[in-house]
Amino acid sequence: MEPAPKRVSSWSVREVLEWLQERYPSQVGALQKAVMKHAISGRALLRLREHHLLLLGVDGEEQQQEMLQDLLLLRVQQEVEELSDICSECFPA
């Protein structure tokens, strides 16, 4: 059985950079500098909002919307995993 993927909130700065490289290869240069400068881990990544993206150098509206959508998906994924944990504790198999 394959191990469960690591939760986004547990990602290191390097794992955040890997995710950005995979999702935004054309933007990764500028983003990489900002992520490293501000030590953006998975927990911080989940908290990013539109004004943070501007500060990180993501200034194109289309790119911002795409990233905000991806970040929302990551937050939903995190919530589902946490709810799953709660349910499995309340209702063990």
PDB file of N, CA and C in Angstrom:
ATOM      1  N   MET A   1       0.835  -1.191   0.000  1.00  0.00           N
ATOM      2  CA  MET A   1       0.000   0.000   0.000  1.00  0.00           C
ATOM      3  C   MET A   1       0.877   1.251   0.000  1.00  0.00           C
ATOM      4  N   GLU A   2       0.542   2.187  -0.855  1.00  0.00           N
ATOM      5  CA  GLU A   2       1.309   3.425  -0.985  1.00  0.00           C
ATOM      6  C   GLU A   2       1.004   4.352   0.182  1.00  0.00           C
ATOM      7  N   PRO A   3       2.037   4.998   0.752  1.00  0.00           N
ATOM      8  CA  PRO A   3       1.769   5.910   1.871  1.00  0.00           C
ATOM      9  C   PRO A   3       0.932   7.103   1.421  1.00  0.00           C
ATOM     10  N   ALA A   4       0.149   7.630   2.339  1.00  0.00           N
ATOM     11  CA  ALA A   4      -0.685   8.796   2.044  1.00  0.00           C
ATOM     12  C   ALA A   4       0.215   9.990   1.742  1.00  0.00           C
ATOM     13  N   PRO A   5      -0.204  10.834   0.804  1.00  0.00           N
ATOM     14  CA  PRO A   5       0.607  12.021   0.517  1.00  0.00           C
ATOM     15  C   PRO A   5       0.686  12.931   1.745  1.00  0.00           C
ATOM     16  N   LYS A   6       1.791  13.629   1.838  1.00  0.00           N
ATOM     17  CA  LYS A   6       2.009  14.538   2.957  1.00  0.00           C
ATOM     18  C   LYS A   6       1.027  15.700   2.876  1.00  0.00           C
ATOM     19  N   ARG A   7       0.484  16.063   3.997  1.00  0.00           N
ATOM     20  CA  ARG A   7      -0.454  17.197   4.037  1.00  0.00           C
ATOM     21  C   ARG A   7       0.249  18.495   3.676  1.00  0.00           C
ATOM     22  N   VAL A   8      -0.480  19.349   2.991  1.00  0.00           N
ATOM     23  CA  VAL A   8       0.075  20.634   2.558  1.00  0.00           C
ATOM     24  C   VAL A   8       0.575  21.430   3.757  1.00  0.00           C
ATOM     25  N   SER A   9      -0.154  21.391   4.857  1.00  0.00           N
ATOM     26  CA  SER A   9       0.250  22.160   6.035  1.00  0.00           C
ATOM     27  C   SER A   9       1.584  21.692   6.607  1.00  0.00           C
ATOM     28  N   SER A  10       2.028  20.515   6.197  1.00  0.00           N
ATOM     29  CA  SER A  10       3.310  19.979   6.670  1.00  0.00           C
ATOM     30  C   SER A  10       4.443  20.174   5.667  1.00  0.00           C
ATOM     31  N   TRP A  11       4.141  20.784   4.526  1.00  0.00           N
ATOM     32  CA  TRP A  11       5.175  20.980   3.507  1.00  0.00           C
ATOM     33  C   TRP A  11       6.272  21.908   4.000  1.00  0.00           C
ATOM     34  N   SER A  12       7.478  21.586   3.615  1.00  0.00           N
ATOM     35  CA  SER A  12       8.622  22.467   3.870  1.00  0.00           C
ATOM     36  C   SER A  12       8.672  23.523   2.769  1.00  0.00           C
ATOM     37  N   VAL A  13       9.563  24.482   2.930  1.00  0.00           N
ATOM     38  CA  VAL A  13       9.760  25.506   1.902  1.00  0.00           C
ATOM     39  C   VAL A  13      10.129  24.821   0.584  1.00  0.00           C
ATOM     40  N   ARG A  14      10.966  23.821   0.650  1.00  0.00           N
ATOM     41  CA  ARG A  14      11.396  23.108  -0.560  1.00  0.00           C
ATOM     42  C   ARG A  14      10.220  22.430  -1.248  1.00  0.00           C
ATOM     43  N   GLU A  15       9.324  21.846  -0.472  1.00  0.00           N
ATOM     44  CA  GLU A  15       8.144  21.195  -1.061  1.00  0.00           C
ATOM     45  C   GLU A  15       7.191  22.216  -1.686  1.00  0.00           C
ATOM     46  N   VAL A  16       7.097  23.399  -1.083  1.00  0.00           N
ATOM     47  CA  VAL A  16       6.308  24.482  -1.677  1.00  0.00           C
ATOM     48  C   VAL A  16       6.928  24.871  -3.015  1.00  0.00           C
ATOM     49  N   LEU A  17       8.250  24.982  -3.061  1.00  0.00           N
ATOM     50  CA  LEU A  17       8.939  25.315  -4.308  1.00  0.00           C
ATOM     51  C   LEU A  17       8.706  24.244  -5.372  1.00  0.00           C
ATOM     52  N   GLU A  18       8.712  22.978  -4.967  1.00  0.00           N
ATOM     53  CA  GLU A  18       8.459  21.884  -5.916  1.00  0.00           C
ATOM     54  C   GLU A  18       7.039  21.990  -6.481  1.00  0.00           C
ATOM     55  N   TRP A  19       6.074  22.306  -5.632  1.00  0.00           N
ATOM     56  CA  TRP A  19       4.692  22.459  -6.083  1.00  0.00           C
ATOM     57  C   TRP A  19       4.582  23.617  -7.071  1.00  0.00           C
ATOM     58  N   LEU A  20       5.224  24.736  -6.739  1.00  0.00           N
ATOM     59  CA  LEU A  20       5.203  25.893  -7.629  1.00  0.00           C
ATOM     60  C   LEU A  20       5.863  25.577  -8.971  1.00  0.00           C
ATOM     61  N   GLN A  21       6.965  24.846  -8.931  1.00  0.00           N
ATOM     62  CA  GLN A  21       7.670  24.464 -10.168  1.00  0.00           C
ATOM     63  C   GLN A  21       6.760  23.607 -11.044  1.00  0.00           C
ATOM     64  N   GLU A  22       6.026  22.718 -10.430  1.00  0.00           N
ATOM     65  CA  GLU A  22       5.125  21.839 -11.173  1.00  0.00           C
ATOM     66  C   GLU A  22       3.930  22.606 -11.746  1.00  0.00           C
ATOM     67  N   ARG A  23       3.360  23.491 -10.936  1.00  0.00           N
ATOM     68  CA  ARG A  23       2.148  24.221 -11.342  1.00  0.00           C
ATOM     69  C   ARG A  23       2.429  25.446 -12.213  1.00  0.00           C
ATOM     70  N   TYR A  24       3.543  26.144 -11.947  1.00  0.00           N
ATOM     71  CA  TYR A  24       3.831  27.424 -12.606  1.00  0.00           C
ATOM     72  C   TYR A  24       5.275  27.498 -13.087  1.00  0.00           C
ATOM     73  N   PRO A  25       5.659  26.625 -13.999  1.00  0.00           N
ATOM     74  CA  PRO A  25       7.075  26.608 -14.413  1.00  0.00           C
ATOM     75  C   PRO A  25       7.554  27.935 -15.006  1.00  0.00           C
ATOM     76  N   SER A  26       6.669  28.671 -15.669  1.00  0.00           N
ATOM     77  CA  SER A  26       7.097  29.934 -16.279  1.00  0.00           C
ATOM     78  C   SER A  26       7.262  31.057 -15.258  1.00  0.00           C
ATOM     79  N   GLN A  27       6.653  30.915 -14.085  1.00  0.00           N
ATOM     80  CA  GLN A  27       6.696  31.956 -13.047  1.00  0.00           C
ATOM     81  C   GLN A  27       7.640  31.612 -11.897  1.00  0.00           C
ATOM     82  N   VAL A  28       8.193  30.412 -11.916  1.00  0.00           N
ATOM     83  CA  VAL A  28       8.882  29.915 -10.724  1.00  0.00           C
ATOM     84  C   VAL A  28      10.092  30.752 -10.328  1.00  0.00           C
ATOM     85  N   GLY A  29      10.766  31.394 -11.278  1.00  0.00           N
ATOM     86  CA  GLY A  29      11.949  32.187 -10.932  1.00  0.00           C
ATOM     87  C   GLY A  29      11.663  33.259  -9.897  1.00  0.00           C
ATOM     88  N   ALA A  30      10.704  34.113 -10.200  1.00  0.00           N
ATOM     89  CA  ALA A  30      10.345  35.199  -9.284  1.00  0.00           C
ATOM     90  C   ALA A  30       9.726  34.645  -8.005  1.00  0.00           C
ATOM     91  N   LEU A  31       8.875  33.647  -8.164  1.00  0.00           N
ATOM     92  CA  LEU A  31       8.223  33.063  -6.991  1.00  0.00           C
ATOM     93  C   LEU A  31       9.226  32.382  -6.070  1.00  0.00           C
ATOM     94  N   GLN A  32      10.205  31.722  -6.659  1.00  0.00           N
ATOM     95  CA  GLN A  32      11.205  31.020  -5.865  1.00  0.00           C
ATOM     96  C   GLN A  32      11.935  31.981  -4.928  1.00  0.00           C
ATOM     97  N   LYS A  33      12.335  33.117  -5.449  1.00  0.00           N
ATOM     98  CA  LYS A  33      13.030  34.109  -4.620  1.00  0.00           C
ATOM     99  C   LYS A  33      12.148  34.567  -3.464  1.00  0.00           C
ATOM    100  N   ALA A  34      10.885  34.853  -3.765  1.00  0.00           N
ATOM    101  CA  ALA A  34       9.961  35.337  -2.735  1.00  0.00           C
ATOM    102  C   ALA A  34       9.683  34.267  -1.689  1.00  0.00           C
ATOM    103  N   VAL A  35       9.487  33.037  -2.136  1.00  0.00           N
ATOM    104  CA  VAL A  35       9.199  31.932  -1.207  1.00  0.00           C
ATOM    105  C   VAL A  35      10.385  31.709  -0.277  1.00  0.00           C
ATOM    106  N   MET A  36      11.577  31.738  -0.838  1.00  0.00           N
ATOM    107  CA  MET A  36      12.772  31.542  -0.013  1.00  0.00           C
ATOM    108  C   MET A  36      12.997  32.729   0.924  1.00  0.00           C
ATOM    109  N   LYS A  37      12.827  33.930   0.419  1.00  0.00           N
ATOM    110  CA  LYS A  37      13.029  35.134   1.236  1.00  0.00           C
ATOM    111  C   LYS A  37      12.096  35.153   2.443  1.00  0.00           C
ATOM    112  N   HIS A  38      10.840  34.757   2.218  1.00  0.00           N
ATOM    113  CA  HIS A  38       9.835  34.806   3.281  1.00  0.00           C
ATOM    114  C   HIS A  38       9.614  33.456   3.960  1.00  0.00           C
ATOM    115  N   ALA A  39      10.418  32.454   3.566  1.00  0.00           N
ATOM    116  CA  ALA A  39      10.334  31.100   4.156  1.00  0.00           C
ATOM    117  C   ALA A  39       8.885  30.596   4.188  1.00  0.00           C
ATOM    118  N   ILE A  40       8.263  30.583   3.013  1.00  0.00           N
ATOM    119  CA  ILE A  40       6.864  30.181   2.917  1.00  0.00           C
ATOM    120  C   ILE A  40       6.761  28.661   2.919  1.00  0.00           C
ATOM    121  N   SER A  41       6.286  28.145   4.026  1.00  0.00           N
ATOM    122  CA  SER A  41       6.059  26.710   4.170  1.00  0.00           C
ATOM    123  C   SER A  41       4.644  26.397   3.705  1.00  0.00           C
ATOM    124  N   GLY A  42       4.254  25.147   3.799  1.00  0.00           N
ATOM    125  CA  GLY A  42       2.904  24.757   3.421  1.00  0.00           C
ATOM    126  C   GLY A  42       1.844  25.458   4.238  1.00  0.00           C
ATOM    127  N   ARG A  43       2.093  25.599   5.529  1.00  0.00           N
ATOM    128  CA  ARG A  43       1.119  26.278   6.395  1.00  0.00           C
ATOM    129  C   ARG A  43       0.902  27.724   5.936  1.00  0.00           C
ATOM    130  N   ALA A  44       1.996  28.409   5.601  1.00  0.00           N
ATOM    131  CA  ALA A  44       1.883  29.794   5.118  1.00  0.00           C
ATOM    132  C   ALA A  44       1.246  29.837   3.731  1.00  0.00           C
ATOM    133  N   LEU A  45       1.577  28.859   2.886  1.00  0.00           N
ATOM    134  CA  LEU A  45       1.001  28.797   1.547  1.00  0.00           C
ATOM    135  C   LEU A  45      -0.522  28.747   1.611  1.00  0.00           C
ATOM    136  N   LEU A  46      -1.054  27.966   2.538  1.00  0.00           N
ATOM    137  CA  LEU A  46      -2.501  27.835   2.678  1.00  0.00           C
ATOM    138  C   LEU A  46      -3.169  29.146   3.102  1.00  0.00           C
ATOM    139  N   ARG A  47      -2.403  30.063   3.673  1.00  0.00           N
ATOM    140  CA  ARG A  47      -2.962  31.330   4.160  1.00  0.00           C
ATOM    141  C   ARG A  47      -2.824  32.478   3.167  1.00  0.00           C
ATOM    142  N   LEU A  48      -2.161  32.236   2.049  1.00  0.00           N
ATOM    143  CA  LEU A  48      -1.943  33.308   1.083  1.00  0.00           C
ATOM    144  C   LEU A  48      -3.264  33.781   0.481  1.00  0.00           C
ATOM    145  N   ARG A  49      -3.377  35.087   0.339  1.00  0.00           N
ATOM    146  CA  ARG A  49      -4.536  35.723  -0.277  1.00  0.00           C
ATOM    147  C   ARG A  49      -4.047  36.629  -1.407  1.00  0.00           C
ATOM    148  N   GLU A  50      -4.977  37.284  -2.068  1.00  0.00           N
ATOM    149  CA  GLU A  50      -4.642  38.076  -3.253  1.00  0.00           C
ATOM    150  C   GLU A  50      -3.560  39.120  -2.971  1.00  0.00           C
ATOM    151  N   HIS A  51      -3.681  39.849  -1.868  1.00  0.00           N
ATOM    152  CA  HIS A  51      -2.685  40.899  -1.588  1.00  0.00           C
ATOM    153  C   HIS A  51      -1.297  40.301  -1.317  1.00  0.00           C
ATOM    154  N   HIS A  52      -1.252  39.074  -0.803  1.00  0.00           N
ATOM    155  CA  HIS A  52       0.038  38.415  -0.598  1.00  0.00           C
ATOM    156  C   HIS A  52       0.685  38.089  -1.945  1.00  0.00           C
ATOM    157  N   LEU A  53      -0.148  37.638  -2.886  1.00  0.00           N
ATOM    158  CA  LEU A  53       0.392  37.308  -4.205  1.00  0.00           C
ATOM    159  C   LEU A  53       1.005  38.535  -4.864  1.00  0.00           C
ATOM    160  N   LEU A  54       0.368  39.686  -4.690  1.00  0.00           N
ATOM    161  CA  LEU A  54       0.939  40.929  -5.216  1.00  0.00           C
ATOM    162  C   LEU A  54       2.306  41.206  -4.603  1.00  0.00           C
ATOM    163  N   LEU A  55       2.400  41.025  -3.296  1.00  0.00           N
ATOM    164  CA  LEU A  55       3.674  41.243  -2.603  1.00  0.00           C
ATOM    165  C   LEU A  55       4.750  40.259  -3.059  1.00  0.00           C
ATOM    166  N   LEU A  56       4.324  39.065  -3.471  1.00  0.00           N
ATOM    167  CA  LEU A  56       5.260  38.047  -3.940  1.00  0.00           C
ATOM    168  C   LEU A  56       5.637  38.231  -5.402  1.00  0.00           C
ATOM    169  N   GLY A  57       5.019  39.217  -6.073  1.00  0.00           N
ATOM    170  CA  GLY A  57       5.379  39.504  -7.446  1.00  0.00           C
ATOM    171  C   GLY A  57       4.471  38.892  -8.493  1.00  0.00           C
ATOM    172  N   VAL A  58       3.343  38.338  -8.074  1.00  0.00           N
ATOM    173  CA  VAL A  58       2.368  37.803  -9.034  1.00  0.00           C
ATOM    174  C   VAL A  58       1.415  38.946  -9.354  1.00  0.00           C
ATOM    175  N   ASP A  59       1.678  39.637 -10.472  1.00  0.00           N
ATOM    176  CA  ASP A  59       0.900  40.837 -10.734  1.00  0.00           C
ATOM    177  C   ASP A  59      -0.122  40.701 -11.854  1.00  0.00           C
ATOM    178  N   GLY A  60      -0.042  39.675 -12.655  1.00  0.00           N
ATOM    179  CA  GLY A  60      -1.044  39.483 -13.698  1.00  0.00           C
ATOM    180  C   GLY A  60      -2.343  38.964 -13.099  1.00  0.00           C
ATOM    181  N   GLU A  61      -3.456  39.595 -13.441  1.00  0.00           N
ATOM    182  CA  GLU A  61      -4.741  39.210 -12.847  1.00  0.00           C
ATOM    183  C   GLU A  61      -5.100  37.759 -13.161  1.00  0.00           C
ATOM    184  N   GLU A  62      -4.835  37.336 -14.389  1.00  0.00           N
ATOM    185  CA  GLU A  62      -5.141  35.951 -14.766  1.00  0.00           C
ATOM    186  C   GLU A  62      -4.306  34.970 -13.947  1.00  0.00           C
ATOM    187  N   GLN A  63      -3.022  35.280 -13.793  1.00  0.00           N
ATOM    188  CA  GLN A  63      -2.130  34.422 -13.005  1.00  0.00           C
ATOM    189  C   GLN A  63      -2.555  34.405 -11.539  1.00  0.00           C
ATOM    190  N   GLN A  64      -2.938  35.546 -11.006  1.00  0.00           N
ATOM    191  CA  GLN A  64      -3.415  35.619  -9.625  1.00  0.00           C
ATOM    192  C   GLN A  64      -4.646  34.742  -9.427  1.00  0.00           C
ATOM    193  N   GLN A  65      -5.598  34.853 -10.352  1.00  0.00           N
ATOM    194  CA  GLN A  65      -6.828  34.073 -10.227  1.00  0.00           C
ATOM    195  C   GLN A  65      -6.550  32.578 -10.302  1.00  0.00           C
ATOM    196  N   GLU A  66      -5.642  32.195 -11.183  1.00  0.00           N
ATOM    197  CA  GLU A  66      -5.276  30.781 -11.291  1.00  0.00           C
ATOM    198  C   GLU A  66      -4.647  30.285  -9.992  1.00  0.00           C
ATOM    199  N   MET A  67      -3.729  31.086  -9.449  1.00  0.00           N
ATOM    200  CA  MET A  67      -3.079  30.692  -8.199  1.00  0.00           C
ATOM    201  C   MET A  67      -4.073  30.665  -7.041  1.00  0.00           C
ATOM    202  N   LEU A  68      -4.950  31.654  -6.977  1.00  0.00           N
ATOM    203  CA  LEU A  68      -5.947  31.682  -5.904  1.00  0.00           C
ATOM    204  C   LEU A  68      -6.850  30.458  -5.979  1.00  0.00           C
ATOM    205  N   GLN A  69      -7.186  30.048  -7.186  1.00  0.00           N
ATOM    206  CA  GLN A  69      -8.008  28.851  -7.365  1.00  0.00           C
ATOM    207  C   GLN A  69      -7.250  27.607  -6.893  1.00  0.00           C
ATOM    208  N   ASP A  70      -5.986  27.509  -7.267  1.00  0.00           N
ATOM    209  CA  ASP A  70      -5.170  26.369  -6.829  1.00  0.00           C
ATOM    210  C   ASP A  70      -5.012  26.355  -5.311  1.00  0.00           C
ATOM    211  N   LEU A  71      -4.828  27.531  -4.724  1.00  0.00           N
ATOM    212  CA  LEU A  71      -4.692  27.620  -3.271  1.00  0.00           C
ATOM    213  C   LEU A  71      -5.996  27.223  -2.580  1.00  0.00           C
ATOM    214  N   LEU A  72      -7.114  27.613  -3.158  1.00  0.00           N
ATOM    215  CA  LEU A  72      -8.406  27.213  -2.608  1.00  0.00           C
ATOM    216  C   LEU A  72      -8.554  25.692  -2.640  1.00  0.00           C
ATOM    217  N   LEU A  73      -8.150  25.080  -3.737  1.00  0.00           N
ATOM    218  CA  LEU A  73      -8.206  23.617  -3.833  1.00  0.00           C
ATOM    219  C   LEU A  73      -7.320  22.956  -2.772  1.00  0.00           C
ATOM    220  N   LEU A  74      -6.148  23.523  -2.546  1.00  0.00           N
ATOM    221  CA  LEU A  74      -5.266  22.982  -1.505  1.00  0.00           C
ATOM    222  C   LEU A  74      -5.911  23.107  -0.121  1.00  0.00           C
ATOM    223  N   ARG A  75      -6.571  24.244   0.139  1.00  0.00           N
ATOM    224  CA  ARG A  75      -7.227  24.438   1.432  1.00  0.00           C
ATOM    225  C   ARG A  75      -8.380  23.455   1.608  1.00  0.00           C
ATOM    226  N   VAL A  76      -9.149  23.248   0.554  1.00  0.00           N
ATOM    227  CA  VAL A  76     -10.262  22.292   0.625  1.00  0.00           C
ATOM    228  C   VAL A  76      -9.722  20.884   0.863  1.00  0.00           C
ATOM    229  N   GLN A  77      -8.671  20.528   0.160  1.00  0.00           N
ATOM    230  CA  GLN A  77      -8.045  19.211   0.345  1.00  0.00           C
ATOM    231  C   GLN A  77      -7.610  19.030   1.800  1.00  0.00           C
ATOM    232  N   GLN A  78      -6.993  20.048   2.366  1.00  0.00           N
ATOM    233  CA  GLN A  78      -6.541  20.006   3.760  1.00  0.00           C
ATOM    234  C   GLN A  78      -7.737  19.805   4.692  1.00  0.00           C
ATOM    235  N   GLU A  79      -8.815  20.557   4.457  1.00  0.00           N
ATOM    236  CA  GLU A  79     -10.020  20.447   5.297  1.00  0.00           C
ATOM    237  C   GLU A  79     -10.616  19.047   5.225  1.00  0.00           C
ATOM    238  N   VAL A  80     -10.690  18.493   4.021  1.00  0.00           N
ATOM    239  CA  VAL A  80     -11.250  17.149   3.847  1.00  0.00           C
ATOM    240  C   VAL A  80     -10.408  16.127   4.617  1.00  0.00           C
ATOM    241  N   GLU A  81      -9.094  16.251   4.533  1.00  0.00           N
ATOM    242  CA  GLU A  81      -8.216  15.326   5.256  1.00  0.00           C
ATOM    243  C   GLU A  81      -8.414  15.448   6.765  1.00  0.00           C
ATOM    244  N   GLU A  82      -8.557  16.672   7.249  1.00  0.00           N
ATOM    245  CA  GLU A  82      -8.771  16.870   8.686  1.00  0.00           C
ATOM    246  C   GLU A  82     -10.125  16.315   9.120  1.00  0.00           C
ATOM    247  N   LEU A  83     -11.157  16.532   8.306  1.00  0.00           N
ATOM    248  CA  LEU A  83     -12.474  15.977   8.629  1.00  0.00           C
ATOM    249  C   LEU A  83     -12.450  14.453   8.591  1.00  0.00           C
ATOM    250  N   SER A  84     -11.726  13.902   7.672  1.00  0.00           N
ATOM    251  CA  SER A  84     -11.593  12.451   7.579  1.00  0.00           C
ATOM    252  C   SER A  84     -10.946  11.892   8.844  1.00  0.00           C
ATOM    253  N   ASP A  85      -9.927  12.588   9.335  1.00  0.00           N
ATOM    254  CA  ASP A  85      -9.279  12.176  10.591  1.00  0.00           C
ATOM    255  C   ASP A  85     -10.263  12.207  11.753  1.00  0.00           C
ATOM    256  N   ILE A  86     -11.051  13.261  11.828  1.00  0.00           N
ATOM    257  CA  ILE A  86     -12.026  13.406  12.902  1.00  0.00           C
ATOM    258  C   ILE A  86     -13.046  12.268  12.841  1.00  0.00           C
ATOM    259  N   CYS A  87     -13.541  11.997  11.620  1.00  0.00           N
ATOM    260  CA  CYS A  87     -14.527  10.940  11.449  1.00  0.00           C
ATOM    261  C   CYS A  87     -13.961   9.576  11.807  1.00  0.00           C
ATOM    262  N   SER A  88     -12.717   9.327  11.434  1.00  0.00           N
ATOM    263  CA  SER A  88     -12.133   8.018  11.731  1.00  0.00           C
ATOM    264  C   SER A  88     -11.884   7.848  13.229  1.00  0.00           C
ATOM    265  N   GLU A  89     -11.666   8.951  13.946  1.00  0.00           N
ATOM    266  CA  GLU A  89     -11.514   8.882  15.398  1.00  0.00           C
ATOM    267  C   GLU A  89     -12.861   8.643  16.073  1.00  0.00           C
ATOM    268  N   CYS A  90     -13.922   9.256  15.527  1.00  0.00           N
ATOM    269  CA  CYS A  90     -15.247   9.121  16.116  1.00  0.00           C
ATOM    270  C   CYS A  90     -15.893   7.788  15.778  1.00  0.00           C
ATOM    271  N   PHE A  91     -15.594   7.294  14.581  1.00  0.00           N
ATOM    272  CA  PHE A  91     -16.210   6.066  14.100  1.00  0.00           C
ATOM    273  C   PHE A  91     -15.141   5.113  13.590  1.00  0.00           C
ATOM    274  N   PRO A  92     -14.365   4.515  14.510  1.00  0.00           N
ATOM    275  CA  PRO A  92     -13.290   3.615  14.056  1.00  0.00           C
ATOM    276  C   PRO A  92     -13.852   2.429  13.269  1.00  0.00           C
ATOM    277  N   ALA A  93     -13.076   1.977  12.307  1.00  0.00           N
ATOM    278  CA  ALA A  93     -13.521   0.864  11.452  1.00  0.00           C
ATOM    279  C   ALA A  93     -13.588  -0.440  12.215  1.00  0.00           C
TER     280      ALA A  93
END
